Amino acid sequence: VQLVESGGGLVQPGGSLRLSCAASGFTFSNYYMSWLRQAPGKGLEWVSDITRASAGRNYEDSVKGRFIIFRDNEKNTVDLQMNDLKPEDTALYYCARVRPERIGMDYDVPDRYDYWGQGIQVTVRE
């Protein structure tokens, strides 16, 4: 199993970035996928979830209306479109695969996820 994030970088407040996660080594369409982040000096924070066929998408309150999660089960990718970025969005962003038996677990619990990408930095500043 491999998850590889791309698309991070430096952006000014109010700008946009699109993160992408390429998955391989498993049947992608069988799994919920998530994006999480960790800001400097802070704990892990769940950002967004998407169900297997994109019927359900959930967002952490601070990103609702600004971030959109997408998946393409043909290309085995899960993307996070981030708009109106704020300095507080600065963090290392991870995509992660949700353990099927732990879908109902609290989002922020690391054990809810069994595979993680290496993380990609998003920095929002003037």
Foldseek 3Di string as FASTA:
>chain_A
DAKAKDWADEEAAQAKIKIKIADDDDQLLQFKKFKWWDAPPGAIGTAKIAHSVRPDIDGDVVQPPFWDWDADSVRRMIMIIGGRDDQVVWTWMKMFTADPVLPVPPRRDVVRTDDIHPTDTHGYHD
